[in-house]
N, C-alpha and C. Protein backbone atom coordinates (compact mmCIF):
# COMPACT_ATOMS: atom_id res chain seq x y z
N MET A 1 -4.03 40.82 -57.43
CA MET A 1 -5.19 40.43 -56.13
C MET A 1 -5.00 39.72 -55.48
N ALA A 2 -4.77 40.66 -54.04
CA ALA A 2 -4.47 40.12 -53.24
C ALA A 2 -4.88 39.01 -51.89
N ILE A 3 -5.11 38.33 -51.89
CA ILE A 3 -5.63 37.54 -50.81
C ILE A 3 -5.25 37.80 -49.47
N THR A 4 -7.07 38.07 -48.77
CA THR A 4 -6.57 38.30 -47.51
C THR A 4 -6.46 37.30 -46.62
N ILE A 5 -6.26 37.26 -45.87
CA ILE A 5 -5.51 35.85 -45.03
C ILE A 5 -7.07 35.64 -43.79
N LYS A 6 -7.75 36.88 -43.29
CA LYS A 6 -8.18 36.43 -42.65
C LYS A 6 -9.65 35.70 -42.58
N PRO A 7 -10.70 35.49 -43.69
CA PRO A 7 -11.03 34.52 -44.48
C PRO A 7 -10.57 33.44 -44.30
N VAL A 8 -9.71 33.37 -44.39
CA VAL A 8 -8.93 31.53 -45.58
C VAL A 8 -8.56 31.31 -43.87
N VAL A 9 -8.07 31.45 -42.59
CA VAL A 9 -7.99 31.48 -41.11
C VAL A 9 -8.20 31.32 -40.47
N GLU A 10 -10.29 31.78 -40.75
CA GLU A 10 -11.15 31.28 -39.84
C GLU A 10 -11.77 30.32 -40.35
N LEU A 11 -11.78 29.75 -42.01
CA LEU A 11 -12.00 28.66 -42.46
C LEU A 11 -11.89 27.29 -41.91
N LEU A 12 -10.12 27.99 -41.93
CA LEU A 12 -9.41 26.63 -41.06
C LEU A 12 -9.19 26.24 -39.53
N LYS A 13 -10.25 27.13 -39.41
CA LYS A 13 -9.61 27.33 -37.76
C LYS A 13 -10.71 25.78 -36.94
N PRO A 14 -11.85 25.57 -37.90
CA PRO A 14 -12.50 24.16 -37.34
C PRO A 14 -11.63 22.82 -37.49
N PHE A 15 -11.33 23.46 -38.64
CA PHE A 15 -10.07 22.09 -38.98
C PHE A 15 -8.85 21.70 -38.79
N ALA A 16 -8.22 23.11 -37.73
CA ALA A 16 -7.14 23.39 -37.13
C ALA A 16 -7.42 22.42 -35.52
N LYS A 17 -8.43 23.20 -34.87
CA LYS A 17 -8.20 22.97 -34.05
C LYS A 17 -8.72 21.32 -33.57
N GLN A 18 -9.57 20.00 -34.14
CA GLN A 18 -10.36 19.12 -35.00
C GLN A 18 -8.12 18.39 -35.42
N ALA A 19 -7.47 19.00 -35.10
CA ALA A 19 -6.25 18.06 -35.97
C ALA A 19 -5.37 18.07 -33.94
N ALA A 20 -5.36 19.94 -34.16
CA ALA A 20 -4.71 19.55 -32.55
C ALA A 20 -4.91 18.46 -31.56
N GLU A 21 -6.46 18.55 -31.49
CA GLU A 21 -7.04 17.78 -30.98
C GLU A 21 -6.92 16.52 -31.42
N ALA A 22 -6.83 15.14 -32.23
CA ALA A 22 -6.29 14.19 -32.87
C ALA A 22 -4.83 14.15 -32.07
N ALA A 23 -4.62 15.44 -32.20
CA ALA A 23 -2.46 14.58 -32.36
C ALA A 23 -2.90 14.46 -30.78
N ALA A 24 -2.99 15.36 -29.75
CA ALA A 24 -3.36 15.97 -28.39
C ALA A 24 -3.61 14.32 -27.86
N THR A 25 -4.76 13.92 -28.40
CA THR A 25 -5.07 12.28 -28.02
C THR A 25 -3.69 11.24 -28.44
N PHE A 26 -3.54 11.25 -29.67
CA PHE A 26 -2.33 10.38 -30.19
C PHE A 26 -1.43 10.44 -28.90
N VAL A 27 -1.12 11.37 -28.96
CA VAL A 27 0.45 12.03 -28.67
C VAL A 27 0.22 11.64 -26.47
N ILE A 28 -1.09 11.39 -25.86
CA ILE A 28 -1.23 10.94 -24.52
C ILE A 28 -1.24 9.61 -25.12
N GLN A 29 -2.07 8.81 -25.57
CA GLN A 29 -2.50 7.26 -26.48
C GLN A 29 -0.84 6.53 -25.91
N GLU A 30 0.23 7.04 -27.35
CA GLU A 30 1.49 5.96 -27.03
C GLU A 30 2.52 6.83 -25.59
N GLY A 31 2.01 7.92 -25.43
CA GLY A 31 2.90 7.83 -23.91
C GLY A 31 2.29 7.10 -22.66
N ILE A 32 1.08 7.38 -22.64
CA ILE A 32 0.80 6.14 -21.81
C ILE A 32 0.83 4.40 -22.62
N LYS A 33 1.01 4.61 -23.11
CA LYS A 33 0.94 3.17 -24.23
C LYS A 33 2.49 2.93 -24.40
N LYS A 34 3.92 3.90 -23.52
CA LYS A 34 4.78 3.26 -23.45
C LYS A 34 5.05 3.59 -22.14
N ILE A 35 4.46 3.78 -21.09
CA ILE A 35 4.37 3.93 -19.84
C ILE A 35 4.14 1.92 -19.18
N PHE A 36 3.29 2.14 -19.89
CA PHE A 36 2.51 0.11 -19.99
C PHE A 36 3.45 -0.74 -20.07
N GLU A 37 4.72 -0.93 -20.98
CA GLU A 37 5.25 -1.36 -21.83
C GLU A 37 6.80 -1.15 -21.43
N LYS A 38 6.78 -0.14 -20.54
CA LYS A 38 7.78 0.05 -19.66
C LYS A 38 8.09 -0.92 -18.41
N LYS A 39 6.83 -0.50 -17.88
CA LYS A 39 6.34 -1.68 -16.59
C LYS A 39 5.83 -3.00 -16.76
N GLU A 40 5.10 -2.94 -17.71
CA GLU A 40 5.81 -4.85 -18.11
C GLU A 40 6.51 -5.61 -17.96
N THR A 41 8.31 -4.85 -18.76
CA THR A 41 9.35 -4.87 -19.45
C THR A 41 10.28 -5.39 -18.09
N LYS A 42 10.17 -4.34 -16.67
CA LYS A 42 10.28 -4.10 -15.23
C LYS A 42 10.03 -6.08 -15.05
N ASN A 43 8.55 -5.94 -14.93
CA ASN A 43 7.78 -7.07 -14.31
C ASN A 43 9.05 -8.05 -15.19
N LYS A 44 9.07 -8.55 -15.82
CA LYS A 44 8.78 -9.63 -16.28
C LYS A 44 10.87 -9.87 -16.24
N GLN A 45 11.59 -8.54 -15.77
CA GLN A 45 13.08 -9.10 -15.72
C GLN A 45 13.06 -9.27 -14.54
N LYS A 46 11.93 -8.77 -13.78
CA LYS A 46 12.22 -9.28 -12.01
C LYS A 46 11.70 -10.69 -11.38
N LYS A 47 10.58 -11.68 -13.13
CA LYS A 47 10.61 -12.55 -12.62
C LYS A 47 11.50 -13.47 -13.08
């Protein structure tokens, strides 16, 4: 018996959206953190 993919995809869509948003948020936060860390090290080198 073949399982149709469409209902499974429909079931997983909200989870996929939530996971994508969480991943994007994490990536942005890590990116911002790295930018600030680079600025801090540059400022420390100047002093």
